[in-house]
C-alpha atoms as a PDB file:
ATOM      1  CA  MET A   1      10.974  22.984  -5.314  1.00  0.00           C
ATOM      2  CA  ALA A   2       9.207  19.877  -4.012  1.00  0.00           C
ATOM      3  CA  ILE A   3       8.200  19.750  -0.376  1.00  0.00           C
ATOM      4  CA  ALA A   4       7.999  15.948  -0.206  1.00  0.00           C
ATOM      5  CA  ARG A   5       9.571  13.036  -2.070  1.00  0.00           C
ATOM      6  CA  SER A   6       6.491  11.012  -2.951  1.00  0.00           C
ATOM      7  CA  PRO A   7       2.904  10.641  -1.797  1.00  0.00           C
ATOM      8  CA  VAL A   8       1.615   7.672   0.123  1.00  0.00           C
ATOM      9  CA  VAL A   9      -1.967   6.638  -0.524  1.00  0.00           C
ATOM     10  CA  MET A  10      -3.460   5.443   2.777  1.00  0.00           C
ATOM     11  CA  LEU A  11      -6.591   3.274   2.774  1.00  0.00           C
ATOM     12  CA  ASP A  12      -8.741   2.789   5.863  1.00  0.00           C
ATOM     13  CA  CYS A  13      -9.761  -0.818   6.452  1.00  0.00           C
ATOM     14  CA  PRO A  14     -10.693  -3.323   9.165  1.00  0.00           C
ATOM     15  CA  ASP A  15      -7.594  -5.545   8.650  1.00  0.00           C
ATOM     16  CA  PRO A  16      -4.414  -3.924   7.246  1.00  0.00           C
ATOM     17  CA  LYS A  17      -2.613  -7.266   6.809  1.00  0.00           C
ATOM     18  CA  VAL A  18      -5.337  -8.693   4.563  1.00  0.00           C
ATOM     19  CA  LEU A  19      -5.480  -5.598   2.363  1.00  0.00           C
ATOM     20  CA  ALA A  20      -1.675  -5.233   2.138  1.00  0.00           C
ATOM     21  CA  GLU A  21      -1.338  -8.864   1.055  1.00  0.00           C
ATOM     22  CA  PHE A  22      -4.156  -8.451  -1.505  1.00  0.00           C
ATOM     23  CA  TYR A  23      -2.613  -5.387  -3.179  1.00  0.00           C
ATOM     24  CA  ALA A  24       0.948  -6.768  -2.919  1.00  0.00           C
ATOM     25  CA  ALA A  25      -0.174  -9.874  -4.834  1.00  0.00           C
ATOM     26  CA  LEU A  26      -2.112  -7.755  -7.357  1.00  0.00           C
ATOM     27  CA  LEU A  27       0.788  -5.367  -8.056  1.00  0.00           C
ATOM     28  CA  GLY A  28       3.826  -7.583  -7.336  1.00  0.00           C
ATOM     29  CA  TRP A  29       5.057  -5.242  -4.572  1.00  0.00           C
ATOM     30  CA  GLU A  30       6.785  -6.035  -1.266  1.00  0.00           C
ATOM     31  CA  VAL A  31       4.814  -6.090   1.997  1.00  0.00           C
ATOM     32  CA  ALA A  32       6.088  -4.051   4.957  1.00  0.00           C
ATOM     33  CA  PRO A  33       4.297  -5.337   8.083  1.00  0.00           C
ATOM     34  CA  GLY A  34       3.251  -3.148  10.982  1.00  0.00           C
ATOM     35  CA  ASP A  35       0.868  -3.051  13.922  1.00  0.00           C
ATOM     36  CA  GLU A  36      -1.989  -0.656  13.235  1.00  0.00           C
ATOM     37  CA  TRP A  37      -0.947  -0.091   9.606  1.00  0.00           C
ATOM     38  CA  TRP A  38       0.848  -2.073   6.919  1.00  0.00           C
ATOM     39  CA  SER A  39       2.267  -0.869   3.626  1.00  0.00           C
ATOM     40  CA  ILE A  40       3.454  -2.202   0.304  1.00  0.00           C
ATOM     41  CA  ARG A  41       6.306  -0.783  -1.751  1.00  0.00           C
ATOM     42  CA  SER A  42       7.340  -0.981  -5.387  1.00  0.00           C
ATOM     43  CA  GLU A  43      10.930  -1.214  -6.563  1.00  0.00           C
ATOM     44  CA  ASP A  44      10.726   2.367  -7.869  1.00  0.00           C
ATOM     45  CA  GLY A  45       9.461   3.857  -4.597  1.00  0.00           C
ATOM     46  CA  GLY A  46       5.683   3.677  -4.914  1.00  0.00           C
ATOM     47  CA  VAL A  47       3.838   3.139  -1.635  1.00  0.00           C
ATOM     48  CA  LEU A  48       0.311   2.145  -0.647  1.00  0.00           C
ATOM     49  CA  ALA A  49      -0.501   1.975   3.054  1.00  0.00           C
ATOM     50  CA  PHE A  50      -3.404   0.453   4.951  1.00  0.00           C
ATOM     51  CA  GLN A  51      -4.532   1.562   8.412  1.00  0.00           C
ATOM     52  CA  ARG A  52      -6.855  -0.184  10.836  1.00  0.00           C
ATOM     53  CA  VAL A  53     -10.036   1.758  11.581  1.00  0.00           C
ATOM     54  CA  GLU A  54     -12.457   0.640  14.278  1.00  0.00           C
ATOM     55  CA  ASP A  55     -16.065   0.472  13.091  1.00  0.00           C
ATOM     56  CA  TYR A  56     -14.882   0.659   9.482  1.00  0.00           C
ATOM     57  CA  ARG A  57     -17.709   1.068   6.948  1.00  0.00           C
ATOM     58  CA  PRO A  58     -16.890   0.264   3.311  1.00  0.00           C
ATOM     59  CA  PRO A  59     -17.732   2.757   0.577  1.00  0.00           C
ATOM     60  CA  ARG A  60     -21.035   2.272  -1.261  1.00  0.00           C
ATOM     61  CA  TRP A  61     -20.254   2.781  -4.933  1.00  0.00           C
ATOM     62  CA  PRO A  62     -21.780   4.074  -7.175  1.00  0.00           C
ATOM     63  CA  GLY A  63     -24.042   5.715  -4.575  1.00  0.00           C
ATOM     64  CA  GLN A  64     -22.716   8.332  -2.184  1.00  0.00           C
ATOM     65  CA  GLU A  65     -24.336   7.299   1.119  1.00  0.00           C
ATOM     66  CA  THR A  66     -20.807   6.302   2.173  1.00  0.00           C
ATOM     67  CA  PRO A  67     -18.604   7.885  -0.539  1.00  0.00           C
ATOM     68  CA  GLN A  68     -15.758   5.994  -2.170  1.00  0.00           C
ATOM     69  CA  GLN A  69     -13.351   8.847  -1.249  1.00  0.00           C
ATOM     70  CA  MET A  70     -10.684   7.414  -3.576  1.00  0.00           C
ATOM     71  CA  HIS A  71     -10.050   4.441  -5.795  1.00  0.00           C
ATOM     72  CA  ILE A  72      -7.169   2.771  -7.593  1.00  0.00           C
ATOM     73  CA  ASP A  73      -6.983   2.105 -11.348  1.00  0.00           C
ATOM     74  CA  VAL A  74      -4.732  -0.796 -12.364  1.00  0.00           C
ATOM     75  CA  ASP A  75      -3.750  -1.170 -16.040  1.00  0.00           C
ATOM     76  CA  VAL A  76      -3.944  -4.686 -17.502  1.00  0.00           C
ATOM     77  CA  ASP A  77      -3.385  -6.108 -20.984  1.00  0.00           C
ATOM     78  CA  ASP A  78      -6.419  -8.419 -20.850  1.00  0.00           C
ATOM     79  CA  LEU A  79      -9.561  -7.711 -18.814  1.00  0.00           C
ATOM     80  CA  ASP A  80     -10.683 -11.347 -18.649  1.00  0.00           C
ATOM     81  CA  GLU A  81      -7.295 -12.561 -17.371  1.00  0.00           C
ATOM     82  CA  GLY A  82      -7.108  -9.644 -14.939  1.00  0.00           C
ATOM     83  CA  GLU A  83     -10.577 -10.388 -13.643  1.00  0.00           C
ATOM     84  CA  ALA A  84      -9.789 -14.055 -13.051  1.00  0.00           C
ATOM     85  CA  ALA A  85      -6.623 -13.083 -11.179  1.00  0.00           C
ATOM     86  CA  VAL A  86      -8.233 -10.511  -8.855  1.00  0.00           C
ATOM     87  CA  LEU A  87     -11.178 -12.794  -8.101  1.00  0.00           C
ATOM     88  CA  GLU A  88      -8.713 -15.501  -7.081  1.00  0.00           C
ATOM     89  CA  LEU A  89      -6.984 -12.979  -4.795  1.00  0.00           C
ATOM     90  CA  GLY A  90     -10.258 -12.235  -2.990  1.00  0.00           C
ATOM     91  CA  ALA A  91     -11.810  -9.323  -4.907  1.00  0.00           C
ATOM     92  CA  THR A  92     -15.455  -9.292  -5.935  1.00  0.00           C
ATOM     93  CA  ARG A  93     -16.822  -7.942  -9.201  1.00  0.00           C
ATOM     94  CA  HIS A  94     -19.196  -5.044  -8.633  1.00  0.00           C
ATOM     95  CA  GLU A  95     -22.661  -5.452 -10.119  1.00  0.00           C
ATOM     96  CA  HIS A  96     -22.516  -1.956 -11.687  1.00  0.00           C
ATOM     97  CA  GLN A  97     -20.205  -1.917 -14.727  1.00  0.00           C
ATOM     98  CA  PRO A  98     -20.527   1.472 -16.481  1.00  0.00           C
ATOM     99  CA  GLY A  99     -17.901   1.017 -19.203  1.00  0.00           C
ATOM    100  CA  THR A 100     -16.350  -1.465 -21.622  1.00  0.00           C
ATOM    101  CA  SER A 101     -12.648  -0.557 -21.377  1.00  0.00           C
ATOM    102  CA  PHE A 102     -12.514  -1.116 -17.606  1.00  0.00           C
ATOM    103  CA  ARG A 103     -14.135  -3.260 -14.919  1.00  0.00           C
ATOM    104  CA  VAL A 104     -15.021  -2.305 -11.365  1.00  0.00           C
ATOM    105  CA  PHE A 105     -14.189  -4.581  -8.437  1.00  0.00           C
ATOM    106  CA  LEU A 106     -14.219  -4.349  -4.655  1.00  0.00           C
ATOM    107  CA  ASP A 107     -11.120  -5.254  -2.669  1.00  0.00           C
ATOM    108  CA  PRO A 108     -11.482  -7.449   0.453  1.00  0.00           C
ATOM    109  CA  ALA A 109     -12.368  -4.362   2.561  1.00  0.00           C
ATOM    110  CA  GLY A 110     -14.954  -3.085   0.049  1.00  0.00           C
ATOM    111  CA  HIS A 111     -12.928  -0.294  -1.639  1.00  0.00           C
ATOM    112  CA  PRO A 112     -13.762   0.042  -5.335  1.00  0.00           C
ATOM    113  CA  PHE A 113     -10.881  -0.354  -7.782  1.00  0.00           C
ATOM    114  CA  CYS A 114     -10.790  -0.695 -11.542  1.00  0.00           C
ATOM    115  CA  LEU A 115      -8.917  -2.892 -13.960  1.00  0.00           C
ATOM    116  CA  CYS A 116      -8.374  -0.800 -17.093  1.00  0.00           C
ATOM    117  CA  LEU A 117      -7.185  -1.833 -20.545  1.00  0.00           C
ATOM    118  CA  ALA A 118      -3.628  -0.541 -20.931  1.00  0.00           C
END
């Protein structure tokens, strides 16, 4: 028996609106505005949420001085097209790229996320 319906991944950030709009554009999900936190929702019930944190410090990947704590993998059909799209949305490509079937980027708040070949 399940205790809950579905998990919500919550990301700390300095500006929830900016991060919600970034991930909504990346995933094609709907934005649900709020005050201290915003969320995005998929048609099938997936949720990502973003909460404002004062004195937010972004993760330092791949080091662990400020650990990444979590990251999101997004499947794409073409890494080059995916990269161009996320850069246009405001992501930055991380200098450390440890693989060939995925690429590591930082979202506008500095969280690492990967584009992975589907």
